[in-house]
Amino acid sequence: MYALATRVGIVIAGVVLLFSATASAQQPSAADFYAAYARAREKIQPALFVPRTQEQATLAETLPKVEGELEAMVWRIVGPVSTPKGFTGTGRWNSDWDLAPREKGVSGIEFSQGEPMADYPYLLVSTTALLREWPGLPPDLRADPEAVFRDGLLSAKEVVFKGVWSVTVGFLPIDTPAGIDAAFASVSTSGNGFLGIWPPRSISIYVRKADRIYIADLPPAVKFPPTVSCGVDLRAAEDVVDPIVLRPLAKQCWEGGGKAQPASVAAVQQAQKFVDDLARP
């Protein structure tokens, strides 16, 4: 028992010391945070699964302290955040310990209008540095992480929730209001292994104001029809599981009739209002 207690104590101390030096630094960088998260996760994750040994149970008890330290780091990187219009609360770090290392989404401060978050308007407030250093970002985009949204390579849902596949169906022509440096919006399909190219199920929004970024995933206020005549065999597209293969088919469908749907017009209006609200002080 003494040996077990000693080993548990050493492991707990190791978990805390994994990132305490970084957390106490005057201003942690995005790279500092992701490195601290990865080290803590490596120690903590085994405690989240059964069978639970005494050592695992004791490690799990340290989780609130570990999360608190890491959340403090994220707040210091992101800075003070006012509650965005349409949301409530002060926001929280989007922690996630129980998935594969590369399935953790971009870190930041999250807001949601309901649970489960994937079914309600969701907003992540982060920074360009946290996006650039995100382990899930394709390495060739490090120099230009904004291309993820500008070119529709990933949807907001995939970036913030990660364990989801997505395909951008089409871009929404929104205006960039004063006070905003960049704004992009699109509609996408998403799923776990099943995608298809129609109907779009999410509106993705990306906004940058100086070094701060806002990534939003919104369910369309006006639902898209289950099928559309767009020059693409929608049924055959359901059997394609490679997002890279689906992208040109999705674009063809959007241009061939999808963007003319009333729901598409409503999606533009919904996205524009969301961006305009973010632009206001």
Protein backbone atom coordinates (compact mmCIF):
# COMPACT_ATOMS: atom_id res chain seq x y z
CA MET A 1 0.00 0.00 0.00
CA TYR A 2 2.81 2.38 0.85
CA ALA A 3 4.49 1.69 -2.50
CA LEU A 4 1.21 2.28 -4.34
CA ALA A 5 0.54 5.50 -2.48
CA THR A 6 4.06 6.69 -3.17
CA ARG A 7 3.73 5.90 -6.89
CA VAL A 8 0.35 7.64 -7.09
CA GLY A 9 1.79 10.69 -5.35
CA ILE A 10 4.70 10.81 -7.76
CA VAL A 11 2.37 10.54 -10.78
CA ILE A 12 0.07 13.29 -9.47
CA ALA A 13 3.02 15.56 -8.85
CA GLY A 14 4.26 14.78 -12.35
CA VAL A 15 0.92 15.71 -13.90
CA VAL A 16 0.89 19.07 -12.15
CA LEU A 17 4.53 19.80 -12.91
CA LEU A 18 4.04 18.86 -16.55
CA PHE A 19 2.70 22.30 -17.28
CA SER A 20 2.95 24.35 -14.10
CA ALA A 21 6.11 26.11 -15.26
CA THR A 22 4.48 27.03 -18.55
CA ALA A 23 1.20 28.01 -16.89
CA SER A 24 3.01 30.38 -14.54
CA ALA A 25 4.89 32.13 -17.36
CA GLN A 26 3.95 35.74 -17.88
CA GLN A 27 2.41 35.14 -21.29
CA PRO A 28 2.19 31.57 -22.65
CA SER A 29 2.26 31.08 -26.40
CA ALA A 30 -0.14 28.91 -28.40
CA ALA A 31 2.64 26.37 -28.84
CA ASP A 32 3.21 26.37 -25.06
CA PHE A 33 -0.46 25.60 -24.49
CA TYR A 34 -0.75 22.73 -26.96
CA ALA A 35 2.46 21.18 -25.63
CA ALA A 36 1.19 21.43 -22.04
CA TYR A 37 -2.17 19.98 -23.06
CA ALA A 38 -0.52 17.05 -24.84
CA ARG A 39 1.71 16.24 -21.86
CA ALA A 40 -1.15 16.45 -19.38
CA ARG A 41 -3.44 14.44 -21.63
CA GLU A 42 -0.89 11.64 -21.92
CA LYS A 43 -0.95 11.25 -18.14
CA ILE A 44 -4.64 11.92 -17.51
CA GLN A 45 -6.37 10.05 -20.34
CA PRO A 46 -5.81 6.50 -19.00
CA ALA A 47 -7.66 7.50 -15.83
CA LEU A 48 -10.81 8.22 -17.82
CA PHE A 49 -11.42 4.62 -18.86
CA VAL A 50 -12.41 1.42 -17.08
CA PRO A 51 -11.28 -0.73 -15.38
CA ARG A 52 -10.49 1.88 -12.75
CA THR A 53 -7.63 1.12 -10.43
CA GLN A 54 -6.95 3.16 -7.33
CA GLU A 55 -4.19 4.90 -9.22
CA GLN A 56 -6.58 5.78 -12.06
CA ALA A 57 -9.21 7.03 -9.62
CA THR A 58 -6.67 9.23 -7.87
CA LEU A 59 -5.47 10.63 -11.19
CA ALA A 60 -9.05 11.41 -12.17
CA GLU A 61 -9.39 13.47 -9.00
CA THR A 62 -6.61 15.74 -10.27
CA LEU A 63 -8.51 16.49 -13.48
CA PRO A 64 -10.29 19.65 -12.22
CA LYS A 65 -6.95 21.18 -11.20
CA VAL A 66 -5.33 20.23 -14.49
CA GLU A 67 -8.26 21.65 -16.47
CA GLY A 68 -8.22 24.81 -14.40
CA GLU A 69 -4.54 25.41 -15.11
CA LEU A 70 -4.94 24.79 -18.83
CA GLU A 71 -8.07 26.92 -19.07
CA ALA A 72 -6.20 29.75 -17.37
CA MET A 73 -3.52 29.48 -20.06
CA VAL A 74 -6.14 29.71 -22.84
CA TRP A 75 -7.78 32.75 -21.25
CA ARG A 76 -4.41 34.49 -21.05
CA ILE A 77 -3.75 33.77 -24.73
CA VAL A 78 -7.22 34.78 -25.94
CA GLY A 79 -7.70 37.69 -23.54
CA PRO A 80 -10.94 39.10 -22.09
CA VAL A 81 -14.08 38.06 -24.00
CA SER A 82 -17.42 39.84 -23.84
CA THR A 83 -20.46 37.59 -24.16
CA PRO A 84 -21.39 37.63 -27.88
CA LYS A 85 -24.88 38.70 -28.86
CA GLY A 86 -27.34 35.81 -28.73
CA PHE A 87 -25.29 33.85 -26.21
CA THR A 88 -25.22 33.76 -22.42
CA GLY A 89 -22.57 33.12 -19.80
CA THR A 90 -18.92 34.05 -19.71
CA GLY A 91 -17.62 31.22 -21.88
CA ARG A 92 -15.38 28.29 -21.04
CA TRP A 93 -12.39 26.43 -22.42
CA ASN A 94 -13.46 23.72 -24.86
CA SER A 95 -11.64 20.91 -23.06
CA ASP A 96 -11.83 17.37 -24.43
CA TRP A 97 -9.75 14.52 -23.03
CA ASP A 98 -11.25 11.27 -24.26
CA LEU A 99 -10.57 11.33 -28.00
CA ALA A 100 -7.51 10.55 -30.10
CA PRO A 101 -4.81 13.25 -29.88
CA ARG A 102 -5.49 14.72 -33.32
CA GLU A 103 -9.25 14.79 -32.76
CA LYS A 104 -9.07 17.64 -30.29
CA GLY A 105 -10.39 20.74 -31.99
CA VAL A 106 -8.82 24.19 -32.03
CA SER A 107 -8.66 25.48 -28.46
CA GLY A 108 -10.39 28.65 -27.36
CA ILE A 109 -13.33 29.93 -25.34
CA GLU A 110 -16.65 28.45 -26.36
CA PHE A 111 -20.25 29.63 -26.20
CA SER A 112 -23.35 27.64 -27.10
CA GLN A 113 -27.08 28.27 -27.12
CA GLY A 114 -27.95 24.73 -26.00
CA GLU A 115 -27.01 21.09 -25.52
CA PRO A 116 -25.87 19.03 -27.31
CA MET A 117 -23.67 21.77 -28.69
CA ALA A 118 -23.55 20.32 -32.19
CA ASP A 119 -27.31 20.89 -32.55
CA TYR A 120 -27.35 24.58 -31.52
CA PRO A 121 -25.58 27.79 -32.55
CA TYR A 122 -22.00 27.45 -31.35
CA LEU A 123 -19.20 30.00 -31.25
CA LEU A 124 -15.50 29.55 -30.47
CA VAL A 125 -13.42 32.62 -29.68
CA SER A 126 -9.75 31.95 -30.32
CA THR A 127 -6.65 33.46 -31.95
CA THR A 128 -4.82 33.03 -35.23
CA ALA A 129 -1.88 31.61 -33.25
CA LEU A 130 -4.05 28.90 -31.63
CA LEU A 131 -5.37 28.01 -35.09
CA ARG A 132 -1.88 28.01 -36.62
CA GLU A 133 -0.40 25.80 -33.88
CA TRP A 134 -3.40 23.45 -33.75
CA PRO A 135 -2.07 19.88 -34.12
CA GLY A 136 -5.00 18.99 -36.40
CA LEU A 137 -4.12 21.68 -38.96
CA PRO A 138 -2.59 20.26 -42.16
CA PRO A 139 1.13 21.15 -42.03
CA ASP A 140 1.05 22.89 -45.43
CA LEU A 141 -1.41 25.45 -44.03
CA ARG A 142 0.78 26.68 -41.14
CA ALA A 143 1.79 29.75 -43.11
CA ASP A 144 -1.82 30.54 -44.06
CA PRO A 145 -4.23 28.88 -41.60
CA GLU A 146 -7.07 31.14 -42.74
CA ALA A 147 -7.16 29.15 -45.99
CA VAL A 148 -9.04 26.45 -44.07
CA PHE A 149 -12.12 28.68 -44.20
CA ARG A 150 -11.33 30.88 -47.21
CA ASP A 151 -10.98 27.81 -49.43
CA GLY A 152 -13.58 25.66 -47.65
CA LEU A 153 -11.12 22.90 -46.75
CA LEU A 154 -12.78 22.21 -43.39
CA SER A 155 -16.10 23.29 -41.92
CA ALA A 156 -16.42 25.05 -38.59
CA LYS A 157 -17.98 21.89 -37.15
CA GLU A 158 -14.91 19.85 -38.11
CA VAL A 159 -12.50 22.45 -36.76
CA VAL A 160 -14.16 22.86 -33.37
CA PHE A 161 -15.50 19.33 -32.79
CA LYS A 162 -12.94 17.49 -34.97
CA GLY A 163 -14.27 13.92 -34.73
CA VAL A 164 -16.60 14.80 -37.63
CA TRP A 165 -16.14 14.63 -41.40
CA SER A 166 -17.42 17.47 -43.51
CA VAL A 167 -17.63 18.74 -47.07
CA THR A 168 -18.17 22.36 -48.02
CA VAL A 169 -21.11 22.54 -50.40
CA GLY A 170 -20.93 26.22 -51.29
CA PHE A 171 -19.79 29.67 -50.20
CA LEU A 172 -22.17 32.36 -48.99
CA PRO A 173 -21.57 35.84 -50.46
CA ILE A 174 -21.45 37.95 -47.30
CA ASP A 175 -20.07 41.47 -46.89
CA THR A 176 -17.18 42.24 -44.54
CA PRO A 177 -18.42 45.00 -42.20
CA ALA A 178 -16.28 47.81 -40.84
CA GLY A 179 -14.09 46.70 -37.96
CA ILE A 180 -13.65 43.19 -39.36
CA ASP A 181 -10.45 42.18 -41.16
CA ALA A 182 -11.76 38.99 -42.77
CA ALA A 183 -15.07 37.15 -42.91
CA PHE A 184 -16.02 33.93 -44.71
CA ALA A 185 -19.21 31.87 -44.65
CA SER A 186 -20.21 28.61 -46.25
CA VAL A 187 -22.66 25.73 -45.95
CA SER A 188 -21.59 22.13 -45.50
CA THR A 189 -22.66 18.57 -44.94
CA SER A 190 -21.17 16.61 -42.06
CA GLY A 191 -21.25 13.19 -40.46
CA ASN A 192 -19.25 10.28 -39.09
CA GLY A 193 -18.37 8.23 -42.13
CA PHE A 194 -21.48 9.30 -44.13
CA LEU A 195 -21.39 12.60 -45.94
CA GLY A 196 -23.15 13.01 -49.26
CA ILE A 197 -23.32 16.49 -50.78
CA TRP A 198 -26.93 17.43 -50.10
CA PRO A 199 -28.63 18.81 -48.10
CA PRO A 200 -26.32 21.24 -46.28
CA ARG A 201 -26.76 20.87 -42.54
CA SER A 202 -24.51 23.59 -41.14
CA ILE A 203 -23.48 27.17 -41.75
CA SER A 204 -19.78 27.77 -41.09
CA ILE A 205 -18.60 31.28 -40.24
CA TYR A 206 -15.07 32.56 -39.75
CA VAL A 207 -14.35 36.12 -38.63
CA ARG A 208 -10.99 37.74 -37.84
CA LYS A 209 -10.56 40.98 -35.94
CA ALA A 210 -6.84 41.71 -35.60
CA ASP A 211 -5.37 38.54 -34.01
CA ARG A 212 -8.68 37.31 -32.57
CA ILE A 213 -10.80 34.88 -34.54
CA TYR A 214 -14.40 33.74 -34.22
CA ILE A 215 -15.43 30.34 -35.55
CA ALA A 216 -19.17 29.67 -35.59
CA ASP A 217 -21.26 26.63 -36.47
CA LEU A 218 -24.94 27.44 -36.99
CA PRO A 219 -27.86 25.19 -37.91
CA PRO A 220 -29.69 26.82 -40.83
CA ALA A 221 -32.75 28.73 -39.65
CA VAL A 222 -34.43 27.70 -42.90
CA LYS A 223 -33.83 24.03 -43.63
CA PHE A 224 -32.61 22.96 -47.05
CA PRO A 225 -34.88 20.57 -48.99
CA PRO A 226 -33.84 16.90 -48.79
CA THR A 227 -33.14 16.76 -52.52
CA VAL A 228 -32.41 19.18 -55.34
CA SER A 229 -31.98 19.06 -59.11
CA CYS A 230 -28.40 20.21 -59.60
CA GLY A 231 -26.81 18.06 -62.30
CA VAL A 232 -25.25 15.61 -59.84
CA ASP A 233 -26.40 12.09 -58.94
CA LEU A 234 -27.04 12.70 -55.24
CA ARG A 235 -27.66 9.04 -54.50
CA ALA A 236 -24.36 7.96 -56.02
CA ALA A 237 -22.56 10.70 -54.07
CA GLU A 238 -23.79 9.12 -50.82
CA ASP A 239 -21.53 6.13 -51.50
CA VAL A 240 -18.40 8.31 -51.75
CA VAL A 241 -16.56 8.57 -48.43
CA ASP A 242 -13.52 10.60 -49.51
CA PRO A 243 -14.12 14.33 -48.86
CA ILE A 244 -11.54 15.27 -51.52
CA VAL A 245 -13.53 13.37 -54.15
CA LEU A 246 -16.79 14.91 -52.95
CA ARG A 247 -15.63 18.54 -53.06
CA PRO A 248 -15.92 19.04 -56.85
CA LEU A 249 -19.28 17.23 -56.87
CA ALA A 250 -20.53 19.48 -54.07
CA LYS A 251 -19.37 22.58 -55.93
CA GLN A 252 -21.04 21.38 -59.12
CA CYS A 253 -24.31 20.79 -57.26
CA TRP A 254 -24.17 24.20 -55.57
CA GLU A 255 -23.56 26.01 -58.84
CA GLY A 256 -26.01 23.79 -60.72
CA GLY A 257 -29.04 24.66 -58.64
CA GLY A 258 -28.25 24.48 -54.93
CA LYS A 259 -27.43 28.14 -54.41
CA ALA A 260 -30.71 29.16 -56.08
CA GLN A 261 -32.76 27.53 -53.33
CA PRO A 262 -34.70 29.84 -50.97
CA ALA A 263 -32.82 28.22 -48.06
CA SER A 264 -29.55 29.39 -49.60
CA VAL A 265 -30.76 32.98 -49.70
CA ALA A 266 -31.89 32.66 -46.08
CA ALA A 267 -28.49 31.23 -45.12
CA VAL A 268 -26.74 34.28 -46.56
CA GLN A 269 -28.99 36.56 -44.52
CA GLN A 270 -28.45 34.48 -41.37
CA ALA A 271 -24.66 34.49 -41.80
CA GLN A 272 -24.55 38.22 -42.56
CA LYS A 273 -26.53 39.08 -39.43
CA PHE A 274 -24.24 36.93 -37.29
CA VAL A 275 -21.12 38.61 -38.70
CA ASP A 276 -22.65 42.09 -38.35
CA ASP A 277 -23.44 41.37 -34.70
CA LEU A 278 -19.81 40.36 -34.09
CA ALA A 279 -18.63 43.59 -35.69
CA ARG A 280 -20.58 45.75 -33.29
CA PRO A 281 -18.77 46.83 -30.07
